[in-house]
Amino acid sequence: MPDPIEVLVPLLNPNEPEVQVARVNVIEGQKVQEGDPLCTLESTKSVTEVTAVRAGFIVGLEFAESDLLRAGDRLCWLADDSKWTPPEMKPSPADVDEGAIPDGLRITKPGLRLARDHGLDPTRLPRETLITESVVRRILALEGGGEMELPEADFNAGAIVVYGGGGHGKSVIDLIRALGQYQVVGVIDDGLKRGTDVMGVPVIGGGDQLPRLAKDGVRLAVNAVGGIGDITSRIQIFQRLLEAGFGFPTLIHPTAFIEPTVQLGQGVQVFPHAYIGSDTDVGFGTIINTAAIVSHDCRLGAYVNVAPGALLAGAVTLDEGVLIGMGVTLNLNVTVGSKARIGNSAVIKEDVPSGKMIRAGDIWPQDSEES
């Protein structure tokens, strides 16, 4: 088993060691493949995309969008096991000057600087999530610049919140009820009126309610934003929940059939009568919707959405953020590039480039002859 690899900020410009994180493509614990984009970094003169040098799991993520970093700062580790714990690193002189970081606290350097500048004691920050600069700013805003009162309630393993009250949110609520393991305490939706309800579940407000829920011991969430029109919205909800300290259970409807050799990432949702075949790997936050068939040896990246009735033949690869419409057929060994969108009932016979949109009912490639 190869040793974990430390991913560092590259030097984009010898005269400008500081860069800003323009985009984050991964989250803690996510499985990536060689060449997958991890983040985009910007200086005043250049932009570069940091990619995975080999397959592995993201461990010890230490950056977030808008963070200012310096060349040589650690971004994360690539490990063969998502449960691997990074070794304690010898602190740099700058870290020593800023004071010791409490054991178990994961905080970015910009977040640590901001916390110290405002007198926010790092020992009182939560350990359940990565503390970024934006998290610190929200804590300071909530408390008027003072210290945050930490949640004192015990973790409630049965309580769960649903983020998103639209059509997919309703399907998620029914899925949770079918399992009988969790109690849905409320719906979070930034566009629904507080005090209304979705299928009998109260709408408790927008994302600003997440810290209050955490204080009450609610630490599990389901992302019910499907992201059909724009997968970015679904990814942003995951990031927001992660920053608030929430975890994501894998939900499998009792009528779905999953072969024993299947590997499912955190936050995966499998709906009624879906089938997932032997030796298939399903990435973080992916949706396998009603009656979809995912055959043997398929590889589905993070945030993939497979709509009802879609049919994936064996050894199909769907890269991160791919959207597969209803009734789509994908032939054996086909690869669909990241964030491609395949319209309803399309037939895919060959590889699809990243970002490509295939219209509903089309056969890809369009000049393919019928066999």
Protein backbone atom coordinates (compact mmCIF):
# COMPACT_ATOMS: atom_id res chain seq x y z
CA MET A 1 0.00 0.00 0.00
CA PRO A 2 1.59 3.33 -1.06
CA ASP A 3 2.22 5.97 1.57
CA PRO A 4 -0.21 8.92 1.79
CA ILE A 5 0.80 11.93 -0.29
CA GLU A 6 0.89 15.48 1.06
CA VAL A 7 -0.69 17.97 -1.38
CA LEU A 8 0.94 21.39 -1.11
CA VAL A 9 0.27 24.83 -2.58
CA PRO A 10 2.53 25.26 -5.62
CA LEU A 11 4.56 28.41 -6.25
CA LEU A 12 2.75 30.07 -9.15
CA ASN A 13 4.95 33.15 -9.31
CA PRO A 14 8.42 33.53 -7.68
CA ASN A 15 7.60 37.16 -6.91
CA GLU A 16 4.18 36.41 -5.44
CA PRO A 17 4.11 33.53 -2.92
CA GLU A 18 0.52 34.19 -1.79
CA VAL A 19 -2.50 32.79 -3.69
CA GLN A 20 -6.25 32.76 -3.21
CA VAL A 21 -8.44 29.67 -3.37
CA ALA A 22 -10.89 30.46 -6.16
CA ARG A 23 -12.72 27.13 -6.23
CA VAL A 24 -12.85 23.94 -4.14
CA ASN A 25 -13.81 20.73 -5.93
CA VAL A 26 -13.53 18.23 -3.08
CA ILE A 27 -14.62 17.66 0.50
CA GLU A 28 -13.20 15.69 3.41
CA GLY A 29 -13.34 11.92 2.89
CA GLN A 30 -14.13 12.12 -0.82
CA LYS A 31 -12.60 9.51 -3.10
CA VAL A 32 -10.80 10.94 -6.14
CA GLN A 33 -9.08 9.47 -9.17
CA GLU A 34 -5.76 10.45 -10.69
CA GLY A 35 -6.15 13.74 -12.53
CA ASP A 36 -9.32 14.81 -10.73
CA PRO A 37 -9.34 18.56 -9.95
CA LEU A 38 -8.91 19.36 -6.25
CA CYS A 39 -9.03 23.15 -6.34
CA THR A 40 -8.31 26.25 -8.42
CA LEU A 41 -5.73 28.76 -7.18
CA GLU A 42 -5.33 32.36 -8.36
CA SER A 43 -2.58 34.92 -8.08
CA THR A 44 -2.61 38.38 -9.65
CA LYS A 45 -0.85 36.99 -12.72
CA SER A 46 -1.98 33.37 -13.14
CA VAL A 47 -4.56 30.71 -12.45
CA THR A 48 -3.81 27.02 -11.93
CA GLU A 49 -5.80 23.89 -11.20
CA VAL A 50 -4.38 21.52 -8.59
CA THR A 51 -5.15 17.90 -9.52
CA ALA A 52 -4.77 14.56 -7.79
CA VAL A 53 -1.46 12.88 -8.64
CA ARG A 54 -3.00 9.47 -7.94
CA ALA A 55 -6.25 7.91 -6.76
CA GLY A 56 -7.10 8.12 -3.07
CA PHE A 57 -9.24 9.71 -0.37
CA ILE A 58 -9.10 13.36 0.68
CA VAL A 59 -7.91 13.51 4.28
CA GLY A 60 -7.09 16.51 6.47
CA LEU A 61 -8.58 19.12 4.14
CA GLU A 62 -7.11 22.47 5.20
CA PHE A 63 -8.52 25.07 2.82
CA ALA A 64 -11.77 26.61 1.64
CA GLU A 65 -12.89 29.04 -1.06
CA SER A 66 -11.57 32.61 -0.63
CA ASP A 67 -8.77 31.50 1.73
CA LEU A 68 -5.42 33.20 1.22
CA LEU A 69 -2.58 30.66 1.27
CA ARG A 70 1.16 30.69 0.71
CA ALA A 71 3.31 28.43 -1.44
CA GLY A 72 4.18 25.34 0.56
CA ASP A 73 1.04 25.39 2.72
CA ARG A 74 -0.60 21.98 2.97
CA LEU A 75 -3.89 21.63 1.13
CA CYS A 76 -4.71 18.06 2.16
CA TRP A 77 -3.46 14.47 2.02
CA LEU A 78 -4.21 11.73 -0.51
CA ALA A 79 -4.55 8.43 1.34
CA ASP A 80 -5.70 4.92 0.46
CA ASP A 81 -7.99 4.83 3.49
CA SER A 82 -10.50 7.57 4.32
CA LYS A 83 -10.06 6.71 8.02
CA TRP A 84 -6.30 7.32 7.95
CA THR A 85 -5.18 9.99 10.43
CA PRO A 86 -2.44 12.45 9.34
CA PRO A 87 0.66 12.49 11.54
CA GLU A 88 1.29 15.38 13.85
CA MET A 89 3.39 17.82 11.86
CA LYS A 90 6.19 19.83 13.41
CA PRO A 91 4.89 23.40 13.72
CA SER A 92 6.53 26.14 11.73
CA PRO A 93 7.87 29.24 13.53
CA ALA A 94 4.82 31.17 12.36
CA ASP A 95 2.51 28.58 13.91
CA VAL A 96 4.42 28.70 17.19
CA ASP A 97 4.15 32.49 17.28
CA GLU A 98 0.39 32.26 16.80
CA GLY A 99 0.07 29.83 19.67
CA ALA A 100 -0.54 26.10 19.88
CA ILE A 101 -3.50 24.64 18.03
CA PRO A 102 -5.63 22.48 20.35
CA ASP A 103 -5.57 18.72 19.75
CA GLY A 104 -8.28 17.62 17.34
CA LEU A 105 -9.00 21.10 16.00
CA ARG A 106 -8.84 21.41 12.20
CA ILE A 107 -8.55 25.08 11.27
CA THR A 108 -7.13 26.80 8.22
CA LYS A 109 -4.32 29.30 8.68
CA PRO A 110 -6.51 32.22 7.55
CA GLY A 111 -9.21 31.06 9.97
CA LEU A 112 -6.69 30.84 12.82
CA ARG A 113 -5.33 34.33 12.11
CA LEU A 114 -8.83 35.82 12.06
CA ALA A 115 -9.82 34.04 15.28
CA ARG A 116 -6.72 35.33 17.08
CA ASP A 117 -7.17 38.86 15.71
CA HIS A 118 -10.66 38.96 17.26
CA GLY A 119 -9.77 37.25 20.51
CA LEU A 120 -11.70 34.06 19.67
CA ASP A 121 -10.20 31.28 21.79
CA PRO A 122 -9.38 28.28 19.52
CA THR A 123 -9.92 25.85 22.40
CA ARG A 124 -13.63 26.71 22.28
CA LEU A 125 -14.12 26.01 18.57
CA PRO A 126 -15.97 22.82 17.56
CA ARG A 127 -13.95 19.75 16.54
CA GLU A 128 -16.60 18.22 14.24
CA THR A 129 -15.70 20.20 11.12
CA LEU A 130 -12.93 22.13 9.37
CA ILE A 131 -12.90 25.71 10.70
CA THR A 132 -12.31 28.05 7.77
CA GLU A 133 -12.05 31.83 7.62
CA SER A 134 -15.70 32.05 6.54
CA VAL A 135 -16.78 29.86 9.49
CA VAL A 136 -14.93 32.16 11.90
CA ARG A 137 -16.60 35.20 10.34
CA ARG A 138 -20.05 33.64 10.82
CA ILE A 139 -19.23 32.81 14.45
CA LEU A 140 -18.13 36.37 15.09
CA ALA A 141 -21.25 37.75 13.40
CA LEU A 142 -23.54 35.48 15.43
CA GLU A 143 -21.98 36.54 18.68
CA GLY A 144 -21.40 40.19 17.86
CA GLY A 145 -17.66 39.69 17.81
CA GLY A 146 -17.54 37.69 21.05
CA GLU A 147 -16.88 34.05 21.72
CA MET A 148 -19.20 31.28 20.56
CA GLU A 149 -21.12 29.25 23.09
CA LEU A 150 -20.43 25.63 22.17
CA PRO A 151 -23.27 23.13 21.84
CA GLU A 152 -23.75 21.35 25.14
CA ALA A 153 -26.43 18.91 23.98
CA ASP A 154 -25.43 15.32 23.34
CA PHE A 155 -25.38 14.06 19.78
CA ASN A 156 -28.86 12.78 18.87
CA ALA A 157 -28.22 9.82 16.58
CA GLY A 158 -31.87 9.62 15.48
CA ALA A 159 -32.43 13.27 14.59
CA ILE A 160 -31.92 14.40 11.00
CA VAL A 161 -32.63 17.56 9.04
CA VAL A 162 -33.53 17.75 5.34
CA TYR A 163 -31.96 20.64 3.38
CA GLY A 164 -34.33 21.40 0.52
CA GLY A 165 -38.13 21.32 0.46
CA GLY A 166 -38.82 20.85 -3.24
CA GLY A 167 -39.78 17.72 -5.14
CA HIS A 168 -36.59 15.86 -4.30
CA GLY A 169 -37.01 16.89 -0.67
CA LYS A 170 -40.41 15.20 -0.58
CA SER A 171 -38.90 12.01 -2.02
CA VAL A 172 -36.14 12.14 0.60
CA ILE A 173 -38.65 12.50 3.43
CA ASP A 174 -40.53 9.42 2.23
CA LEU A 175 -37.23 7.54 1.90
CA ILE A 176 -36.28 8.39 5.49
CA ARG A 177 -39.71 7.37 6.75
CA ALA A 178 -39.47 4.03 4.93
CA LEU A 179 -36.22 3.27 6.78
CA GLY A 180 -37.68 3.94 10.22
CA GLN A 181 -34.26 4.82 11.67
CA TYR A 182 -34.41 8.60 11.85
CA GLN A 183 -36.70 11.36 12.99
CA VAL A 184 -36.91 14.28 10.56
CA VAL A 185 -36.85 17.31 12.86
CA GLY A 186 -37.37 19.87 10.12
CA VAL A 187 -36.77 21.15 6.62
CA ILE A 188 -34.15 23.80 5.89
CA ASP A 189 -34.94 25.82 2.76
CA ASP A 190 -33.74 29.33 1.94
CA GLY A 191 -36.79 29.93 -0.28
CA LEU A 192 -39.68 28.59 1.84
CA LYS A 193 -41.53 30.51 4.52
CA ARG A 194 -40.68 29.55 8.07
CA GLY A 195 -43.63 27.93 9.84
CA THR A 196 -45.05 26.23 6.76
CA ASP A 197 -44.58 22.50 6.29
CA VAL A 198 -43.52 19.95 3.68
CA MET A 199 -45.49 16.71 3.95
CA GLY A 200 -46.06 17.34 7.64
CA VAL A 201 -42.45 18.31 8.39
CA PRO A 202 -42.05 21.92 9.59
CA VAL A 203 -39.93 24.39 7.66
CA ILE A 204 -37.62 25.81 10.32
CA GLY A 205 -35.91 28.44 8.21
CA GLY A 206 -32.88 28.85 5.98
CA GLY A 207 -29.25 27.86 6.34
CA ASP A 208 -28.78 30.37 9.16
CA GLN A 209 -30.61 27.90 11.41
CA LEU A 210 -27.87 25.26 11.17
CA PRO A 211 -25.86 26.51 14.21
CA ARG A 212 -29.01 26.39 16.35
CA LEU A 213 -29.75 22.84 15.23
CA ALA A 214 -26.20 21.81 16.08
CA LYS A 215 -26.61 23.26 19.58
CA ASP A 216 -29.72 21.10 19.98
CA GLY A 217 -27.70 17.98 19.18
CA VAL A 218 -28.82 17.54 15.56
CA ARG A 219 -25.72 16.59 13.58
CA LEU A 220 -27.11 14.54 10.66
CA ALA A 221 -28.41 16.03 7.42
CA VAL A 222 -29.63 15.00 3.99
CA ASN A 223 -28.92 17.20 1.00
CA ALA A 224 -32.27 17.26 -0.84
CA VAL A 225 -31.17 19.78 -3.48
CA GLY A 226 -30.95 17.69 -6.64
CA GLY A 227 -28.98 20.22 -8.66
CA ILE A 228 -30.58 19.19 -11.96
CA GLY A 229 -30.24 22.66 -13.49
CA ASP A 230 -26.88 23.46 -11.90
CA ILE A 231 -24.91 20.88 -9.90
CA THR A 232 -22.98 23.72 -8.25
CA SER A 233 -25.97 24.45 -6.01
CA ARG A 234 -25.91 20.88 -4.64
CA ILE A 235 -22.16 21.03 -3.99
CA GLN A 236 -22.52 24.37 -2.17
CA ILE A 237 -25.16 22.90 0.15
CA PHE A 238 -22.82 20.03 1.06
CA GLN A 239 -20.05 22.52 1.85
CA ARG A 240 -22.37 24.64 3.97
CA LEU A 241 -23.51 21.61 5.96
CA LEU A 242 -19.96 20.40 6.42
CA GLU A 243 -18.83 23.77 7.74
CA ALA A 244 -21.68 23.65 10.26
CA GLY A 245 -20.53 20.25 11.52
CA PHE A 246 -23.15 17.95 9.97
CA GLY A 247 -22.61 14.38 8.78
CA PHE A 248 -24.37 12.55 5.97
CA PRO A 249 -25.82 9.05 6.43
CA THR A 250 -26.14 6.76 3.42
CA LEU A 251 -29.84 6.11 2.76
CA ILE A 252 -30.97 2.95 0.93
CA HIS A 253 -34.67 2.28 0.38
CA PRO A 254 -35.77 -1.18 1.59
CA THR A 255 -36.89 -2.17 -1.91
CA ALA A 256 -33.54 -1.30 -3.54
CA PHE A 257 -31.09 -4.16 -4.18
CA ILE A 258 -27.39 -3.58 -3.58
CA GLU A 259 -24.88 -6.37 -4.32
CA PRO A 260 -22.58 -7.15 -1.35
CA THR A 261 -19.41 -6.04 -3.20
CA VAL A 262 -20.73 -2.51 -3.84
CA GLN A 263 -18.97 0.41 -2.12
CA LEU A 264 -21.15 3.39 -1.24
CA GLY A 265 -19.76 6.75 -0.14
CA GLN A 266 -21.23 8.97 2.56
CA GLY A 267 -24.42 10.82 1.72
CA VAL A 268 -25.45 8.44 -1.08
CA GLN A 269 -29.22 8.19 -1.66
CA VAL A 270 -30.68 5.04 -3.24
CA PHE A 271 -34.40 5.17 -4.02
CA PRO A 272 -37.09 2.48 -4.46
CA HIS A 273 -36.47 -0.47 -6.80
CA ALA A 274 -33.00 0.72 -7.85
CA TYR A 275 -30.31 -1.88 -8.50
CA ILE A 276 -26.53 -1.51 -8.08
CA GLY A 277 -24.40 -4.34 -9.49
CA SER A 278 -21.29 -6.17 -8.36
CA ASP A 279 -18.00 -4.37 -7.66
CA THR A 280 -19.47 -0.93 -8.30
CA ASP A 281 -18.12 2.16 -6.54
CA VAL A 282 -20.53 5.03 -5.83
CA GLY A 283 -19.02 8.34 -4.72
CA PHE A 284 -19.92 10.88 -2.07
CA GLY A 285 -23.39 12.44 -2.24
CA THR A 286 -24.53 10.58 -5.35
CA ILE A 287 -28.24 9.98 -6.07
CA ILE A 288 -29.45 6.68 -7.58
CA ASN A 289 -33.09 7.41 -8.20
CA THR A 290 -36.18 5.22 -8.50
CA ALA A 291 -35.83 2.08 -10.68
CA ALA A 292 -32.41 3.11 -12.01
CA ILE A 293 -30.06 0.24 -12.89
CA VAL A 294 -26.31 0.56 -12.34
CA SER A 295 -24.64 -2.61 -13.62
CA HIS A 296 -21.44 -4.32 -12.51
CA ASP A 297 -18.03 -2.61 -12.35
CA CYS A 298 -19.38 0.93 -12.69
CA ARG A 299 -17.53 3.90 -11.17
CA LEU A 300 -19.62 6.89 -10.14
CA GLY A 301 -17.88 10.00 -8.83
CA ALA A 302 -19.09 12.48 -6.22
CA TYR A 303 -22.38 14.38 -6.67
CA VAL A 304 -23.61 12.26 -9.59
CA ASN A 305 -27.39 12.29 -10.14
CA VAL A 306 -28.88 9.25 -11.90
CA ALA A 307 -32.57 9.95 -12.61
CA PRO A 308 -35.44 7.42 -12.48
CA GLY A 309 -35.33 4.59 -15.00
CA ALA A 310 -31.80 5.22 -16.26
CA LEU A 311 -29.84 2.15 -17.37
CA LEU A 312 -26.05 1.91 -17.00
CA ALA A 313 -24.42 -1.10 -18.63
CA GLY A 314 -21.32 -2.68 -17.12
CA ALA A 315 -18.09 -0.74 -16.51
CA VAL A 316 -19.66 2.69 -17.08
CA THR A 317 -17.77 5.61 -15.51
CA LEU A 318 -19.55 8.81 -14.51
CA ASP A 319 -17.16 11.52 -13.35
CA GLU A 320 -17.95 14.11 -10.68
CA GLY A 321 -21.19 16.06 -11.01
CA VAL A 322 -22.62 14.18 -14.00
CA LEU A 323 -26.40 14.44 -14.46
CA ILE A 324 -28.14 11.47 -16.10
CA GLY A 325 -31.76 12.05 -17.17
CA MET A 326 -34.75 9.76 -16.96
CA GLY A 327 -34.67 6.66 -19.14
CA VAL A 328 -31.12 7.27 -20.42
CA THR A 329 -29.22 4.22 -21.72
CA LEU A 330 -25.41 4.10 -21.44
CA ASN A 331 -23.56 1.36 -23.30
CA LEU A 332 -20.82 -0.90 -21.94
CA ASN A 333 -17.49 0.78 -20.99
CA VAL A 334 -18.70 4.34 -21.67
CA THR A 335 -17.14 7.22 -19.72
CA VAL A 336 -19.03 10.49 -19.14
CA GLY A 337 -16.82 13.45 -18.21
CA SER A 338 -17.34 15.69 -15.19
CA LYS A 339 -20.46 17.87 -15.08
CA ALA A 340 -21.81 16.59 -18.39
CA ARG A 341 -25.61 16.55 -18.66
CA ILE A 342 -27.48 13.77 -20.47
CA GLY A 343 -31.10 14.56 -21.37
CA ASN A 344 -34.03 12.22 -20.85
CA SER A 345 -34.15 9.04 -22.98
CA ALA A 346 -30.82 9.73 -24.71
CA VAL A 347 -28.69 6.76 -25.83
CA ILE A 348 -24.95 7.04 -25.15
CA LYS A 349 -22.75 4.73 -27.23
CA GLU A 350 -19.35 6.40 -26.81
CA ASP A 351 -17.49 8.57 -24.30
CA VAL A 352 -18.94 12.02 -23.54
CA PRO A 353 -16.56 14.97 -22.92
CA SER A 354 -16.65 16.93 -19.66
CA GLY A 355 -19.27 19.67 -19.58
CA LYS A 356 -21.08 18.35 -22.67
CA MET A 357 -24.86 18.58 -22.84
CA ILE A 358 -26.69 15.82 -24.73
CA ARG A 359 -30.26 16.76 -25.60
CA ALA A 360 -33.25 14.64 -24.67
CA GLY A 361 -33.81 11.75 -27.08
CA ASP A 362 -30.44 12.14 -28.88
CA ILE A 363 -28.12 9.30 -29.78
CA TRP A 364 -24.46 10.05 -28.97
CA PRO A 365 -22.38 10.39 -31.07
CA GLN A 366 -24.88 11.86 -33.48
CA ASP A 367 -23.20 10.38 -36.53
CA SER A 368 -23.24 6.88 -34.99
CA GLU A 369 -24.80 4.30 -37.27
CA GLU A 370 -27.43 2.01 -35.91
CA SER A 371 -26.08 -1.49 -35.29
